[in-house]
Amino acid sequence: MVERTCLECSEKVVGRIDKKFCSDYCRNAYNNKVNKESKNLIRNTNNRLRKNYNILSKLNISGKTKVTRRKLFDNGFDFQFFTSIYKTKTGNTYFYVYDEGYLALENEVYLLIKRG
């Protein structure tokens, strides 16, 4: 019989034939290392979405507000991060971060709206 060793700490593994780790701690540590890059991407994307959502919520108190592109930028808004796009029959394109949306108007002015 071949002696198996833990993929994380190289200790002897006892138990089922398909067991790869000596403990739950080693299994979790190993998987956290393996998934670190993808978890960082997801965490960073979620942080950007959360920041954009908070900015839109803060600036759109009434549920329908006009703001300048500069004001959005000054607050740290990142136009590359949104959760959905809605195109109207008239050709307007609304970008949403969850239920907070914005529509580009003329002269770098944006209409902020809340869906719901």
C-alpha atoms as a PDB file:
ATOM      1  CA  MET A   1       0.000   0.000   0.000  1.00  0.00           C
ATOM      2  CA  VAL A   2       1.307   3.465  -0.971  1.00  0.00           C
ATOM      3  CA  GLU A   3       1.635   5.957   1.866  1.00  0.00           C
ATOM      4  CA  ARG A   4      -0.200   9.172   1.043  1.00  0.00           C
ATOM      5  CA  THR A   5       0.912  12.607   2.182  1.00  0.00           C
ATOM      6  CA  CYS A   6      -1.066  15.786   2.793  1.00  0.00           C
ATOM      7  CA  LEU A   7      -0.999  18.184  -0.171  1.00  0.00           C
ATOM      8  CA  GLU A   8      -0.562  21.116   2.218  1.00  0.00           C
ATOM      9  CA  CYS A   9       1.863  20.032   4.960  1.00  0.00           C
ATOM     10  CA  SER A  10       3.205  16.686   3.653  1.00  0.00           C
ATOM     11  CA  GLU A  11       2.168  14.817   6.833  1.00  0.00           C
ATOM     12  CA  LYS A  12       0.862  11.256   6.548  1.00  0.00           C
ATOM     13  CA  VAL A  13      -2.790  11.000   5.518  1.00  0.00           C
ATOM     14  CA  VAL A  14      -4.891   8.366   7.285  1.00  0.00           C
ATOM     15  CA  GLY A  15      -8.401   7.351   6.269  1.00  0.00           C
ATOM     16  CA  ARG A  16     -10.276   7.028   3.014  1.00  0.00           C
ATOM     17  CA  ILE A  17      -8.273   6.119  -0.060  1.00  0.00           C
ATOM     18  CA  ASP A  18      -9.258   9.356  -1.855  1.00  0.00           C
ATOM     19  CA  LYS A  19      -8.426  11.613   1.103  1.00  0.00           C
ATOM     20  CA  LYS A  20      -5.838  14.282   0.181  1.00  0.00           C
ATOM     21  CA  PHE A  21      -5.375  16.242   3.405  1.00  0.00           C
ATOM     22  CA  CYS A  22      -4.544  15.336   6.997  1.00  0.00           C
ATOM     23  CA  SER A  23      -7.037  17.849   8.476  1.00  0.00           C
ATOM     24  CA  ASP A  24      -9.725  20.404   7.673  1.00  0.00           C
ATOM     25  CA  TYR A  25      -7.207  23.153   8.461  1.00  0.00           C
ATOM     26  CA  CYS A  26      -4.816  21.885   5.765  1.00  0.00           C
ATOM     27  CA  ARG A  27      -7.647  21.425   3.252  1.00  0.00           C
ATOM     28  CA  ASN A  28      -8.845  25.013   3.819  1.00  0.00           C
ATOM     29  CA  ALA A  29      -5.312  26.458   3.719  1.00  0.00           C
ATOM     30  CA  TYR A  30      -4.559  24.649   0.453  1.00  0.00           C
ATOM     31  CA  ASN A  31      -7.816  25.707  -1.228  1.00  0.00           C
ATOM     32  CA  ASN A  32      -7.391  29.310  -0.067  1.00  0.00           C
ATOM     33  CA  LYS A  33      -3.969  29.417  -1.748  1.00  0.00           C
ATOM     34  CA  VAL A  34      -5.262  27.808  -4.948  1.00  0.00           C
ATOM     35  CA  ASN A  35      -8.256  30.179  -5.229  1.00  0.00           C
ATOM     36  CA  LYS A  36      -6.484  33.348  -4.073  1.00  0.00           C
ATOM     37  CA  GLU A  37      -6.252  35.060  -7.478  1.00  0.00           C
ATOM     38  CA  SER A  38      -9.882  34.521  -8.483  1.00  0.00           C
ATOM     39  CA  LYS A  39     -11.085  35.499  -5.010  1.00  0.00           C
ATOM     40  CA  ASN A  40      -9.071  38.726  -5.196  1.00  0.00           C
ATOM     41  CA  LEU A  41     -10.630  39.578  -8.569  1.00  0.00           C
ATOM     42  CA  ILE A  42     -14.133  38.968  -7.221  1.00  0.00           C
ATOM     43  CA  ARG A  43     -13.429  40.890  -4.012  1.00  0.00           C
ATOM     44  CA  ASN A  44     -12.001  43.868  -5.916  1.00  0.00           C
ATOM     45  CA  THR A  45     -14.919  43.914  -8.371  1.00  0.00           C
ATOM     46  CA  ASN A  46     -17.465  43.740  -5.552  1.00  0.00           C
ATOM     47  CA  ASN A  47     -15.659  46.557  -3.733  1.00  0.00           C
ATOM     48  CA  ARG A  48     -15.810  48.762  -6.861  1.00  0.00           C
ATOM     49  CA  LEU A  49     -19.526  47.976  -7.346  1.00  0.00           C
ATOM     50  CA  ARG A  50     -20.220  48.742  -3.674  1.00  0.00           C
ATOM     51  CA  LYS A  51     -18.344  52.052  -3.940  1.00  0.00           C
ATOM     52  CA  ASN A  52     -20.228  53.039  -7.108  1.00  0.00           C
ATOM     53  CA  TYR A  53     -23.543  52.081  -5.481  1.00  0.00           C
ATOM     54  CA  ASN A  54     -22.779  54.169  -2.390  1.00  0.00           C
ATOM     55  CA  ILE A  55     -21.815  57.173  -4.538  1.00  0.00           C
ATOM     56  CA  LEU A  56     -25.027  56.967  -6.581  1.00  0.00           C
ATOM     57  CA  SER A  57     -27.118  56.527  -3.416  1.00  0.00           C
ATOM     58  CA  LYS A  58     -25.444  59.486  -1.716  1.00  0.00           C
ATOM     59  CA  LEU A  59     -25.880  61.818  -4.704  1.00  0.00           C
ATOM     60  CA  ASN A  60     -29.414  60.670  -5.593  1.00  0.00           C
ATOM     61  CA  ILE A  61     -31.365  61.498  -2.427  1.00  0.00           C
ATOM     62  CA  SER A  62     -34.651  62.343  -4.172  1.00  0.00           C
ATOM     63  CA  GLY A  63     -34.681  59.302  -6.492  1.00  0.00           C
ATOM     64  CA  LYS A  64     -34.219  61.479  -9.589  1.00  0.00           C
ATOM     65  CA  THR A  65     -31.256  63.892  -9.634  1.00  0.00           C
ATOM     66  CA  LYS A  66     -29.016  65.554 -12.211  1.00  0.00           C
ATOM     67  CA  VAL A  67     -25.263  65.665 -11.566  1.00  0.00           C
ATOM     68  CA  THR A  68     -22.175  66.459 -13.599  1.00  0.00           C
ATOM     69  CA  ARG A  69     -19.656  63.882 -14.718  1.00  0.00           C
ATOM     70  CA  ARG A  70     -17.041  65.833 -12.725  1.00  0.00           C
ATOM     71  CA  LYS A  71     -19.053  65.410  -9.508  1.00  0.00           C
ATOM     72  CA  LEU A  72     -19.259  61.653 -10.064  1.00  0.00           C
ATOM     73  CA  PHE A  73     -15.497  61.489 -10.775  1.00  0.00           C
ATOM     74  CA  ASP A  74     -14.672  63.680  -7.773  1.00  0.00           C
ATOM     75  CA  ASN A  75     -16.551  61.215  -5.551  1.00  0.00           C
ATOM     76  CA  GLY A  76     -14.545  58.304  -6.996  1.00  0.00           C
ATOM     77  CA  PHE A  77     -17.164  56.870  -9.368  1.00  0.00           C
ATOM     78  CA  ASP A  78     -15.805  54.359 -11.897  1.00  0.00           C
ATOM     79  CA  PHE A  79     -17.893  54.173 -15.080  1.00  0.00           C
ATOM     80  CA  GLN A  80     -16.457  50.744 -15.969  1.00  0.00           C
ATOM     81  CA  PHE A  81     -18.294  49.009 -13.104  1.00  0.00           C
ATOM     82  CA  PHE A  82     -22.060  48.479 -13.348  1.00  0.00           C
ATOM     83  CA  THR A  83     -24.389  45.506 -13.014  1.00  0.00           C
ATOM     84  CA  SER A  84     -26.827  45.953 -15.908  1.00  0.00           C
ATOM     85  CA  ILE A  85     -27.816  48.028 -18.942  1.00  0.00           C
ATOM     86  CA  TYR A  86     -31.352  49.001 -19.931  1.00  0.00           C
ATOM     87  CA  LYS A  87     -32.135  50.401 -23.392  1.00  0.00           C
ATOM     88  CA  THR A  88     -35.438  52.183 -23.877  1.00  0.00           C
ATOM     89  CA  LYS A  89     -37.543  52.121 -27.042  1.00  0.00           C
ATOM     90  CA  THR A  90     -36.485  55.734 -27.658  1.00  0.00           C
ATOM     91  CA  GLY A  91     -32.807  54.724 -27.689  1.00  0.00           C
ATOM     92  CA  ASN A  92     -31.736  55.916 -24.228  1.00  0.00           C
ATOM     93  CA  THR A  93     -29.243  53.689 -22.440  1.00  0.00           C
ATOM     94  CA  TYR A  94     -29.427  53.481 -18.644  1.00  0.00           C
ATOM     95  CA  PHE A  95     -26.589  51.908 -16.701  1.00  0.00           C
ATOM     96  CA  TYR A  96     -27.424  50.376 -13.330  1.00  0.00           C
ATOM     97  CA  VAL A  97     -25.494  49.439 -10.235  1.00  0.00           C
ATOM     98  CA  TYR A  98     -28.143  47.182  -8.714  1.00  0.00           C
ATOM     99  CA  ASP A  99     -31.176  49.497  -8.341  1.00  0.00           C
ATOM    100  CA  GLU A 100     -29.303  52.807  -8.728  1.00  0.00           C
ATOM    101  CA  GLY A 101     -29.035  53.950 -12.345  1.00  0.00           C
ATOM    102  CA  TYR A 102     -27.681  56.756 -14.470  1.00  0.00           C
ATOM    103  CA  LEU A 103     -28.337  58.111 -17.943  1.00  0.00           C
ATOM    104  CA  ALA A 104     -25.924  60.337 -19.866  1.00  0.00           C
ATOM    105  CA  LEU A 105     -27.574  63.601 -20.910  1.00  0.00           C
ATOM    106  CA  GLU A 106     -26.032  66.515 -22.805  1.00  0.00           C
ATOM    107  CA  ASN A 107     -22.979  68.532 -21.698  1.00  0.00           C
ATOM    108  CA  GLU A 108     -21.560  65.815 -19.422  1.00  0.00           C
ATOM    109  CA  VAL A 109     -24.618  65.858 -17.182  1.00  0.00           C
ATOM    110  CA  TYR A 110     -26.090  62.629 -15.861  1.00  0.00           C
ATOM    111  CA  LEU A 111     -29.576  61.831 -14.659  1.00  0.00           C
ATOM    112  CA  LEU A 112     -29.447  59.589 -11.594  1.00  0.00           C
ATOM    113  CA  ILE A 113     -32.510  57.440 -10.975  1.00  0.00           C
ATOM    114  CA  LYS A 114     -33.555  54.751  -8.546  1.00  0.00           C
ATOM    115  CA  ARG A 115     -35.395  51.722  -9.925  1.00  0.00           C
ATOM    116  CA  GLY A 116     -38.300  50.488  -7.944  1.00  0.00           C
END
